N, C-alpha and C. Protein backbone atom coordinates (compact mmCIF):
# COMPACT_ATOMS: atom_id res chain seq x y z
N MET A 1 33.41 40.87 -25.42
CA MET A 1 33.27 39.42 -25.42
C MET A 1 32.09 39.04 -26.29
N GLN A 2 32.28 38.08 -27.08
CA GLN A 2 31.23 37.64 -27.98
C GLN A 2 30.26 36.72 -27.25
N ASN A 3 29.01 36.80 -27.66
CA ASN A 3 27.97 35.95 -27.11
C ASN A 3 28.04 34.61 -27.84
N GLN A 4 28.53 33.60 -27.15
CA GLN A 4 28.69 32.29 -27.77
C GLN A 4 27.66 31.33 -27.20
N THR A 5 27.13 30.53 -28.07
CA THR A 5 26.23 29.48 -27.62
C THR A 5 26.92 28.15 -27.82
N MET A 6 26.76 27.32 -26.86
CA MET A 6 27.38 26.00 -26.96
C MET A 6 26.33 25.00 -27.42
N ASN A 7 26.68 24.23 -28.40
CA ASN A 7 25.80 23.18 -28.87
C ASN A 7 26.25 21.88 -28.21
N VAL A 8 25.61 21.58 -27.11
CA VAL A 8 25.97 20.38 -26.37
C VAL A 8 25.02 19.26 -26.76
N ASN A 9 25.56 18.18 -27.21
CA ASN A 9 24.74 17.02 -27.53
C ASN A 9 24.54 16.21 -26.25
N VAL A 10 23.33 16.26 -25.75
CA VAL A 10 23.00 15.54 -24.54
C VAL A 10 22.29 14.25 -24.94
N ALA A 11 22.77 13.16 -24.40
CA ALA A 11 22.12 11.88 -24.67
C ALA A 11 20.74 11.88 -24.03
N THR A 12 19.75 11.44 -24.77
CA THR A 12 18.38 11.45 -24.27
C THR A 12 17.74 10.08 -24.41
N LYS A 13 16.63 9.94 -23.72
CA LYS A 13 15.84 8.72 -23.81
C LYS A 13 14.38 9.13 -23.69
N PRO A 14 13.46 8.32 -24.21
CA PRO A 14 12.04 8.67 -24.04
C PRO A 14 11.55 8.32 -22.64
N CYS A 15 10.72 9.17 -22.09
CA CYS A 15 10.09 8.88 -20.81
C CYS A 15 9.11 7.73 -21.02
N PRO A 16 9.15 6.69 -20.19
CA PRO A 16 8.24 5.55 -20.39
C PRO A 16 6.78 5.88 -20.07
N TYR A 17 6.53 7.04 -19.45
CA TYR A 17 5.17 7.40 -19.06
C TYR A 17 4.51 8.34 -20.07
N CYS A 18 5.26 9.35 -20.56
CA CYS A 18 4.64 10.32 -21.46
C CYS A 18 5.25 10.32 -22.86
N GLY A 19 6.42 9.67 -23.04
CA GLY A 19 7.04 9.57 -24.35
C GLY A 19 7.92 10.75 -24.73
N GLU A 20 7.94 11.81 -23.93
CA GLU A 20 8.79 12.96 -24.23
C GLU A 20 10.26 12.60 -23.99
N MET A 21 11.17 13.27 -24.70
CA MET A 21 12.59 13.00 -24.55
C MET A 21 13.13 13.73 -23.32
N VAL A 22 13.89 12.99 -22.52
CA VAL A 22 14.51 13.55 -21.31
C VAL A 22 15.99 13.16 -21.31
N PRO A 23 16.84 13.94 -20.62
CA PRO A 23 18.25 13.55 -20.55
C PRO A 23 18.41 12.14 -19.97
N LEU A 24 19.42 11.43 -20.46
CA LEU A 24 19.64 10.04 -20.10
C LEU A 24 19.80 9.81 -18.60
N ASN A 25 20.39 10.78 -17.88
CA ASN A 25 20.64 10.60 -16.45
C ASN A 25 19.55 11.22 -15.58
N SER A 26 18.40 11.56 -16.17
CA SER A 26 17.31 12.16 -15.40
C SER A 26 16.74 11.17 -14.41
N GLN A 27 16.39 11.70 -13.22
CA GLN A 27 15.74 10.88 -12.22
C GLN A 27 14.23 11.06 -12.26
N LYS A 28 13.79 12.22 -12.76
CA LYS A 28 12.37 12.54 -12.81
C LYS A 28 12.08 13.24 -14.14
N CYS A 29 10.96 12.89 -14.78
CA CYS A 29 10.59 13.50 -16.06
C CYS A 29 10.14 14.93 -15.83
N LYS A 30 10.73 15.87 -16.56
CA LYS A 30 10.36 17.28 -16.41
C LYS A 30 9.02 17.60 -17.09
N HIS A 31 8.52 16.67 -17.90
CA HIS A 31 7.26 16.90 -18.60
C HIS A 31 6.05 16.40 -17.81
N CYS A 32 6.13 15.16 -17.32
CA CYS A 32 4.97 14.59 -16.63
C CYS A 32 5.16 14.45 -15.13
N GLY A 33 6.40 14.62 -14.64
CA GLY A 33 6.66 14.56 -13.21
C GLY A 33 6.83 13.17 -12.64
N GLU A 34 6.81 12.12 -13.47
CA GLU A 34 6.98 10.75 -12.98
C GLU A 34 8.46 10.46 -12.69
N TRP A 35 8.70 9.63 -11.69
CA TRP A 35 10.05 9.22 -11.36
C TRP A 35 10.53 8.19 -12.37
N LEU A 36 11.78 8.33 -12.80
CA LEU A 36 12.36 7.42 -13.79
C LEU A 36 13.31 6.42 -13.16
N ILE A 37 13.56 6.56 -11.87
CA ILE A 37 14.42 5.63 -11.15
C ILE A 37 13.57 4.78 -10.22
N LYS A 38 14.10 3.67 -9.80
CA LYS A 38 13.36 2.80 -8.88
C LYS A 38 13.45 3.40 -7.48
N ARG A 39 12.31 3.80 -6.95
CA ARG A 39 12.27 4.41 -5.63
C ARG A 39 11.64 3.49 -4.60
N TYR A 40 10.99 2.43 -5.07
CA TYR A 40 10.27 1.55 -4.17
C TYR A 40 10.71 0.12 -4.35
N GLY A 41 10.65 -0.63 -3.26
CA GLY A 41 11.03 -2.04 -3.27
C GLY A 41 9.83 -2.94 -3.49
N ASN A 42 9.79 -4.02 -2.74
CA ASN A 42 8.74 -5.03 -2.87
C ASN A 42 7.39 -4.50 -2.40
N SER A 43 6.38 -5.29 -2.61
CA SER A 43 5.00 -4.93 -2.30
C SER A 43 4.76 -4.81 -0.79
N TRP A 44 4.10 -3.72 -0.39
CA TRP A 44 3.73 -3.50 1.01
C TRP A 44 2.71 -4.55 1.45
N VAL A 45 1.73 -4.83 0.60
CA VAL A 45 0.67 -5.78 0.95
C VAL A 45 1.26 -7.17 1.18
N LYS A 46 2.10 -7.65 0.27
CA LYS A 46 2.69 -8.98 0.41
C LYS A 46 3.55 -9.05 1.68
N THR A 47 4.33 -8.00 1.92
CA THR A 47 5.18 -7.98 3.10
C THR A 47 4.35 -8.03 4.37
N TYR A 48 3.28 -7.24 4.42
CA TYR A 48 2.43 -7.23 5.62
C TYR A 48 1.73 -8.57 5.82
N LEU A 49 1.20 -9.13 4.76
CA LEU A 49 0.51 -10.42 4.88
C LEU A 49 1.48 -11.54 5.30
N LEU A 50 2.68 -11.54 4.72
CA LEU A 50 3.67 -12.55 5.12
C LEU A 50 4.07 -12.38 6.58
N CYS A 51 4.19 -11.14 7.02
CA CYS A 51 4.52 -10.87 8.43
C CYS A 51 3.39 -11.34 9.33
N SER A 52 2.15 -11.05 8.94
CA SER A 52 0.99 -11.43 9.76
C SER A 52 0.79 -12.94 9.84
N LEU A 53 0.98 -13.62 8.72
CA LEU A 53 0.67 -15.05 8.66
C LEU A 53 1.87 -15.95 8.98
N LEU A 54 3.05 -15.59 8.51
CA LEU A 54 4.23 -16.44 8.67
C LEU A 54 5.43 -15.68 9.24
N GLY A 55 5.15 -14.60 9.95
CA GLY A 55 6.21 -13.74 10.45
C GLY A 55 7.18 -14.41 11.40
N CYS A 56 6.69 -15.32 12.24
CA CYS A 56 7.59 -16.02 13.18
C CYS A 56 8.66 -16.81 12.45
N PHE A 57 8.36 -17.23 11.23
CA PHE A 57 9.33 -17.98 10.43
C PHE A 57 10.20 -17.06 9.56
N GLY A 58 10.00 -15.75 9.68
CA GLY A 58 10.81 -14.79 8.93
C GLY A 58 10.41 -14.65 7.48
N ALA A 59 9.20 -15.07 7.11
CA ALA A 59 8.79 -15.07 5.71
C ALA A 59 8.88 -13.68 5.08
N HIS A 60 8.46 -12.64 5.81
CA HIS A 60 8.50 -11.29 5.26
C HIS A 60 9.94 -10.82 5.05
N ASN A 61 10.86 -11.28 5.89
CA ASN A 61 12.27 -10.91 5.70
C ASN A 61 12.91 -11.69 4.57
N PHE A 62 12.53 -12.97 4.39
CA PHE A 62 13.00 -13.71 3.22
C PHE A 62 12.51 -13.02 1.94
N TYR A 63 11.25 -12.62 1.92
CA TYR A 63 10.66 -11.96 0.75
C TYR A 63 11.41 -10.68 0.39
N ASN A 64 11.85 -9.93 1.40
CA ASN A 64 12.57 -8.68 1.17
C ASN A 64 14.08 -8.86 1.16
N GLU A 65 14.53 -10.11 1.01
CA GLU A 65 15.93 -10.49 0.86
C GLU A 65 16.79 -10.07 2.05
N LYS A 66 16.20 -10.07 3.23
CA LYS A 66 16.94 -9.86 4.48
C LYS A 66 17.20 -11.24 5.06
N THR A 67 18.04 -12.00 4.39
CA THR A 67 18.22 -13.42 4.68
C THR A 67 18.77 -13.67 6.08
N GLY A 68 19.74 -12.91 6.52
CA GLY A 68 20.33 -13.12 7.84
C GLY A 68 19.30 -12.98 8.95
N ILE A 69 18.51 -11.92 8.89
CA ILE A 69 17.47 -11.69 9.89
C ILE A 69 16.41 -12.80 9.80
N ALA A 70 16.06 -13.18 8.59
CA ALA A 70 15.04 -14.22 8.39
C ALA A 70 15.49 -15.56 8.97
N VAL A 71 16.74 -15.92 8.74
CA VAL A 71 17.26 -17.18 9.28
C VAL A 71 17.26 -17.13 10.81
N ALA A 72 17.63 -15.99 11.38
CA ALA A 72 17.62 -15.84 12.84
C ALA A 72 16.20 -16.03 13.38
N GLN A 73 15.21 -15.43 12.73
CA GLN A 73 13.83 -15.60 13.17
C GLN A 73 13.38 -17.06 13.04
N LEU A 74 13.75 -17.69 11.97
CA LEU A 74 13.37 -19.08 11.75
C LEU A 74 13.97 -19.99 12.83
N ILE A 75 15.24 -19.81 13.11
CA ILE A 75 15.91 -20.65 14.13
C ILE A 75 15.29 -20.38 15.50
N LEU A 76 15.05 -19.11 15.83
CA LEU A 76 14.44 -18.79 17.13
C LEU A 76 13.05 -19.42 17.26
N THR A 77 12.29 -19.38 16.20
CA THR A 77 10.94 -19.94 16.25
C THR A 77 10.96 -21.45 16.45
N LEU A 78 11.95 -22.11 15.89
CA LEU A 78 12.02 -23.57 16.00
C LEU A 78 12.51 -24.04 17.37
N THR A 79 13.02 -23.14 18.18
CA THR A 79 13.41 -23.50 19.55
C THR A 79 12.29 -23.06 20.49
N VAL A 80 12.14 -23.77 21.57
CA VAL A 80 11.05 -23.49 22.52
C VAL A 80 11.22 -22.11 23.15
N PHE A 81 12.41 -21.82 23.63
CA PHE A 81 12.63 -20.55 24.32
C PHE A 81 12.68 -19.37 23.34
N GLY A 82 13.16 -19.64 22.13
CA GLY A 82 13.24 -18.58 21.12
C GLY A 82 11.90 -18.07 20.66
N LEU A 83 10.88 -18.89 20.81
CA LEU A 83 9.54 -18.48 20.42
C LEU A 83 9.07 -17.27 21.22
N PHE A 84 9.54 -17.17 22.47
CA PHE A 84 9.18 -16.03 23.31
C PHE A 84 9.84 -14.74 22.83
N ILE A 85 10.88 -14.85 22.06
CA ILE A 85 11.54 -13.69 21.46
C ILE A 85 10.93 -13.41 20.09
N SER A 86 10.65 -14.46 19.36
CA SER A 86 10.16 -14.35 17.99
C SER A 86 8.79 -13.67 17.89
N ILE A 87 7.89 -14.00 18.80
CA ILE A 87 6.54 -13.43 18.74
C ILE A 87 6.56 -11.91 18.92
N PRO A 88 7.20 -11.37 19.97
CA PRO A 88 7.26 -9.90 20.08
C PRO A 88 7.99 -9.26 18.90
N TRP A 89 9.00 -9.96 18.37
CA TRP A 89 9.75 -9.46 17.22
C TRP A 89 8.83 -9.27 16.02
N VAL A 90 7.94 -10.22 15.78
CA VAL A 90 6.99 -10.14 14.67
C VAL A 90 6.00 -9.00 14.90
N ILE A 91 5.56 -8.83 16.12
CA ILE A 91 4.63 -7.74 16.44
C ILE A 91 5.28 -6.39 16.15
N VAL A 92 6.53 -6.24 16.56
CA VAL A 92 7.26 -5.00 16.29
C VAL A 92 7.44 -4.81 14.79
N ASP A 93 7.80 -5.87 14.07
CA ASP A 93 7.94 -5.78 12.61
C ASP A 93 6.62 -5.37 11.95
N ALA A 94 5.51 -5.93 12.42
CA ALA A 94 4.20 -5.58 11.85
C ALA A 94 3.90 -4.10 12.07
N ILE A 95 4.21 -3.59 13.24
CA ILE A 95 3.99 -2.16 13.53
C ILE A 95 4.87 -1.31 12.63
N ILE A 96 6.12 -1.71 12.45
CA ILE A 96 7.04 -0.96 11.58
C ILE A 96 6.52 -0.96 10.14
N ILE A 97 6.01 -2.10 9.67
CA ILE A 97 5.46 -2.18 8.31
C ILE A 97 4.23 -1.28 8.20
N LEU A 98 3.33 -1.36 9.18
CA LEU A 98 2.11 -0.55 9.15
C LEU A 98 2.42 0.94 9.12
N CYS A 99 3.43 1.35 9.84
CA CYS A 99 3.77 2.78 9.91
C CYS A 99 4.58 3.26 8.71
N GLY A 100 4.99 2.35 7.84
CA GLY A 100 5.71 2.73 6.63
C GLY A 100 7.20 2.90 6.82
N ALA A 101 7.76 2.41 7.93
CA ALA A 101 9.18 2.58 8.19
C ALA A 101 10.01 1.37 7.78
N TYR A 102 9.40 0.28 7.38
CA TYR A 102 10.11 -0.94 7.01
C TYR A 102 10.74 -0.74 5.63
N ARG A 103 11.99 -1.17 5.47
CA ARG A 103 12.70 -1.07 4.20
C ARG A 103 13.19 -2.45 3.78
N ASP A 104 13.38 -2.62 2.47
CA ASP A 104 13.92 -3.89 2.00
C ASP A 104 15.44 -3.90 2.19
N ASN A 105 16.11 -4.93 1.70
CA ASN A 105 17.56 -5.05 1.93
C ASN A 105 18.37 -3.98 1.22
N LYS A 106 17.79 -3.31 0.25
CA LYS A 106 18.49 -2.23 -0.46
C LYS A 106 18.16 -0.86 0.12
N GLY A 107 17.35 -0.84 1.17
CA GLY A 107 16.97 0.42 1.80
C GLY A 107 15.81 1.12 1.12
N LEU A 108 15.13 0.43 0.20
CA LEU A 108 14.01 1.03 -0.52
C LEU A 108 12.72 0.90 0.28
N GLU A 109 11.89 1.93 0.20
CA GLU A 109 10.58 1.90 0.84
C GLU A 109 9.71 0.88 0.11
N LEU A 110 8.83 0.23 0.84
CA LEU A 110 7.94 -0.74 0.21
C LEU A 110 6.95 -0.04 -0.71
N SER A 111 6.62 -0.69 -1.81
CA SER A 111 5.74 -0.12 -2.82
C SER A 111 4.28 -0.19 -2.39
N ARG A 112 3.62 0.97 -2.38
CA ARG A 112 2.18 1.02 -2.09
C ARG A 112 1.53 1.88 -3.16
N LYS A 113 0.87 1.27 -4.07
CA LYS A 113 0.06 1.99 -5.04
C LYS A 113 -1.35 1.47 -4.89
N PRO A 114 -2.09 2.04 -3.94
CA PRO A 114 -3.42 1.51 -3.64
C PRO A 114 -4.35 1.52 -4.85
N THR A 115 -5.02 0.41 -5.04
CA THR A 115 -6.06 0.32 -6.05
C THR A 115 -7.37 0.03 -5.31
N ILE A 116 -8.47 0.19 -6.02
CA ILE A 116 -9.77 -0.08 -5.40
C ILE A 116 -9.82 -1.54 -4.95
N GLN A 117 -9.33 -2.46 -5.79
CA GLN A 117 -9.40 -3.88 -5.47
C GLN A 117 -8.59 -4.23 -4.22
N SER A 118 -7.32 -3.80 -4.18
CA SER A 118 -6.48 -4.17 -3.04
C SER A 118 -6.95 -3.50 -1.76
N THR A 119 -7.37 -2.24 -1.84
CA THR A 119 -7.87 -1.54 -0.66
C THR A 119 -9.17 -2.17 -0.17
N ALA A 120 -10.05 -2.55 -1.09
CA ALA A 120 -11.31 -3.18 -0.70
C ALA A 120 -11.07 -4.54 -0.04
N LEU A 121 -10.14 -5.32 -0.58
CA LEU A 121 -9.83 -6.62 0.03
C LEU A 121 -9.27 -6.46 1.44
N LEU A 122 -8.35 -5.51 1.61
CA LEU A 122 -7.80 -5.27 2.94
C LEU A 122 -8.88 -4.78 3.89
N CYS A 123 -9.77 -3.93 3.41
CA CYS A 123 -10.86 -3.43 4.25
C CYS A 123 -11.82 -4.56 4.62
N PHE A 124 -12.13 -5.42 3.68
CA PHE A 124 -13.07 -6.51 3.93
C PHE A 124 -12.52 -7.50 4.97
N PHE A 125 -11.25 -7.89 4.81
CA PHE A 125 -10.68 -8.91 5.69
C PHE A 125 -10.05 -8.35 6.97
N CYS A 126 -9.51 -7.14 6.90
CA CYS A 126 -8.79 -6.58 8.07
C CYS A 126 -9.28 -5.17 8.40
N GLY A 127 -10.46 -4.82 7.92
CA GLY A 127 -10.94 -3.44 8.05
C GLY A 127 -11.11 -2.94 9.46
N ALA A 128 -11.60 -3.78 10.35
CA ALA A 128 -11.81 -3.34 11.72
C ALA A 128 -10.49 -2.95 12.38
N GLY A 129 -9.41 -3.56 11.93
CA GLY A 129 -8.08 -3.21 12.45
C GLY A 129 -7.46 -2.03 11.76
N GLY A 130 -8.13 -1.47 10.77
CA GLY A 130 -7.65 -0.28 10.09
C GLY A 130 -6.51 -0.50 9.11
N VAL A 131 -6.27 -1.74 8.71
CA VAL A 131 -5.13 -2.04 7.83
C VAL A 131 -5.23 -1.30 6.51
N HIS A 132 -6.44 -1.15 5.96
CA HIS A 132 -6.60 -0.42 4.70
C HIS A 132 -6.22 1.05 4.87
N ARG A 133 -6.39 1.59 6.07
CA ARG A 133 -5.97 2.97 6.34
C ARG A 133 -4.45 3.09 6.34
N PHE A 134 -3.77 2.11 6.95
CA PHE A 134 -2.31 2.13 6.92
C PHE A 134 -1.81 2.01 5.49
N TYR A 135 -2.47 1.16 4.70
CA TYR A 135 -2.08 0.93 3.31
C TYR A 135 -2.17 2.22 2.49
N THR A 136 -3.15 3.05 2.79
CA THR A 136 -3.30 4.32 2.07
C THR A 136 -2.58 5.46 2.78
N LYS A 137 -1.65 5.11 3.67
CA LYS A 137 -0.78 6.05 4.40
C LYS A 137 -1.52 6.95 5.37
N GLN A 138 -2.69 6.53 5.81
CA GLN A 138 -3.44 7.27 6.83
C GLN A 138 -3.16 6.61 8.18
N VAL A 139 -1.94 6.77 8.64
CA VAL A 139 -1.45 6.05 9.81
C VAL A 139 -2.24 6.39 11.07
N ALA A 140 -2.47 7.67 11.33
CA ALA A 140 -3.19 8.07 12.55
C ALA A 140 -4.61 7.51 12.55
N LEU A 141 -5.30 7.60 11.42
CA LEU A 141 -6.65 7.03 11.33
C LEU A 141 -6.62 5.50 11.44
N GLY A 142 -5.56 4.89 10.94
CA GLY A 142 -5.42 3.44 11.07
C GLY A 142 -5.35 3.01 12.53
N TRP A 143 -4.53 3.72 13.31
CA TRP A 143 -4.44 3.41 14.74
C TRP A 143 -5.76 3.69 15.44
N LEU A 144 -6.39 4.81 15.10
CA LEU A 144 -7.68 5.14 15.72
C LEU A 144 -8.72 4.08 15.42
N GLN A 145 -8.76 3.62 14.18
CA GLN A 145 -9.72 2.59 13.81
C GLN A 145 -9.40 1.26 14.50
N ALA A 146 -8.12 0.94 14.63
CA ALA A 146 -7.73 -0.29 15.32
C ALA A 146 -8.16 -0.25 16.78
N PHE A 147 -7.93 0.87 17.44
CA PHE A 147 -8.32 0.97 18.85
C PHE A 147 -9.83 1.07 19.03
N SER A 148 -10.52 1.66 18.05
CA SER A 148 -11.98 1.76 18.15
C SER A 148 -12.65 0.39 17.99
N SER A 149 -11.92 -0.55 17.42
CA SER A 149 -12.46 -1.91 17.29
C SER A 149 -12.66 -2.56 18.65
N CYS A 150 -11.89 -2.11 19.64
CA CYS A 150 -12.02 -2.69 20.99
C CYS A 150 -13.39 -2.40 21.60
N ILE A 151 -14.03 -1.32 21.15
CA ILE A 151 -15.36 -1.00 21.68
C ILE A 151 -16.46 -1.22 20.65
N GLY A 152 -16.10 -1.85 19.54
CA GLY A 152 -17.10 -2.25 18.56
C GLY A 152 -17.36 -1.26 17.44
N ILE A 153 -16.83 -0.07 17.54
CA ILE A 153 -17.08 0.95 16.52
C ILE A 153 -16.28 0.67 15.24
N GLY A 154 -15.13 0.03 15.38
CA GLY A 154 -14.25 -0.23 14.23
C GLY A 154 -14.92 -1.03 13.14
N PHE A 155 -15.82 -1.94 13.52
CA PHE A 155 -16.51 -2.77 12.51
C PHE A 155 -17.49 -1.94 11.69
N ILE A 156 -18.20 -1.02 12.36
CA ILE A 156 -19.13 -0.13 11.65
C ILE A 156 -18.34 0.79 10.73
N TRP A 157 -17.23 1.35 11.26
CA TRP A 157 -16.37 2.24 10.51
C TRP A 157 -15.81 1.51 9.28
N ALA A 158 -15.41 0.27 9.44
CA ALA A 158 -14.87 -0.52 8.32
C ALA A 158 -15.94 -0.76 7.26
N PHE A 159 -17.18 -1.01 7.68
CA PHE A 159 -18.27 -1.22 6.74
C PHE A 159 -18.51 0.04 5.91
N ILE A 160 -18.50 1.20 6.57
CA ILE A 160 -18.69 2.48 5.86
C ILE A 160 -17.53 2.71 4.90
N ASP A 161 -16.30 2.44 5.36
CA ASP A 161 -15.13 2.58 4.48
C ASP A 161 -15.23 1.65 3.28
N PHE A 162 -15.69 0.42 3.50
CA PHE A 162 -15.81 -0.56 2.42
C PHE A 162 -16.76 -0.04 1.34
N ILE A 163 -17.89 0.53 1.74
CA ILE A 163 -18.84 1.11 0.79
C ILE A 163 -18.20 2.28 0.04
N MET A 164 -17.47 3.13 0.77
CA MET A 164 -16.80 4.27 0.13
C MET A 164 -15.75 3.82 -0.88
N ILE A 165 -15.02 2.76 -0.55
CA ILE A 165 -14.00 2.24 -1.46
C ILE A 165 -14.66 1.71 -2.73
N LEU A 166 -15.70 0.90 -2.57
CA LEU A 166 -16.37 0.30 -3.74
C LEU A 166 -17.04 1.34 -4.63
N THR A 167 -17.49 2.46 -4.05
CA THR A 167 -18.13 3.50 -4.85
C THR A 167 -17.13 4.51 -5.41
N GLY A 168 -15.83 4.32 -5.09
CA GLY A 168 -14.79 5.21 -5.62
C GLY A 168 -14.68 6.54 -4.90
N ASN A 169 -15.14 6.60 -3.66
CA ASN A 169 -15.10 7.86 -2.91
C ASN A 169 -14.09 7.84 -1.76
N PHE A 170 -13.19 6.87 -1.74
CA PHE A 170 -12.20 6.75 -0.66
C PHE A 170 -10.91 7.43 -1.10
N LYS A 171 -10.32 8.22 -0.20
CA LYS A 171 -9.11 8.98 -0.54
C LYS A 171 -7.92 8.49 0.28
N ASP A 172 -6.72 8.67 -0.30
CA ASP A 172 -5.51 8.33 0.43
C ASP A 172 -5.10 9.51 1.31
N ALA A 173 -3.93 9.43 1.94
CA ALA A 173 -3.48 10.46 2.87
C ALA A 173 -3.23 11.80 2.17
N ASP A 174 -2.96 11.77 0.87
CA ASP A 174 -2.71 13.00 0.13
C ASP A 174 -3.98 13.62 -0.44
N GLY A 175 -5.12 13.01 -0.18
CA GLY A 175 -6.39 13.52 -0.67
C GLY A 175 -6.75 13.06 -2.07
N ASN A 176 -5.99 12.11 -2.60
CA ASN A 176 -6.27 11.58 -3.94
C ASN A 176 -7.25 10.41 -3.83
N LEU A 177 -8.21 10.37 -4.76
CA LEU A 177 -9.14 9.24 -4.80
C LEU A 177 -8.39 7.98 -5.19
N ILE A 178 -8.74 6.87 -4.54
CA ILE A 178 -8.15 5.58 -4.89
C ILE A 178 -8.74 5.16 -6.24
N LYS A 179 -7.85 4.81 -7.17
CA LYS A 179 -8.30 4.49 -8.53
C LYS A 179 -8.16 3.00 -8.79
N GLY A 180 -8.84 2.54 -9.86
CA GLY A 180 -8.91 1.20 -10.36
C GLY A 180 -7.77 0.34 -10.14
């Protein structure tokens, strides 16, 4: 049997991150390791803030295009008795968002690419509750910091975290420093 080589013309495209040519149907660049497909949905920060501030009206669900659920929350909130259902519903949604289990209408995980600015703002305004820890996927430390706020330690811990974030020494759950 003869040793034959096949000359297959594979359609390629440049990777938007490193510029190297990759097959057209690639999901991940073999050169730089970046994902070439959309793996994340809307912003985690916006979703959490909308849930915290306007959650009873379904604002976070409208933002993530979960219109049916959002309308149900809105109608429940506008009725007197429905408000007793809507408030616990928002609390549960906030916990689901904090733990990273909330998905948009397409089933995509919410996008979290922590920067020094966004992490510092979350730490400054919600630091005692550990929200910046949840944002950087440090869920266990986020809960610990939230509960430690009940005895006053959470505020000191948040102040120390805030200094670490501003000096560029704060790490996410994977051990990576939070960057610009």
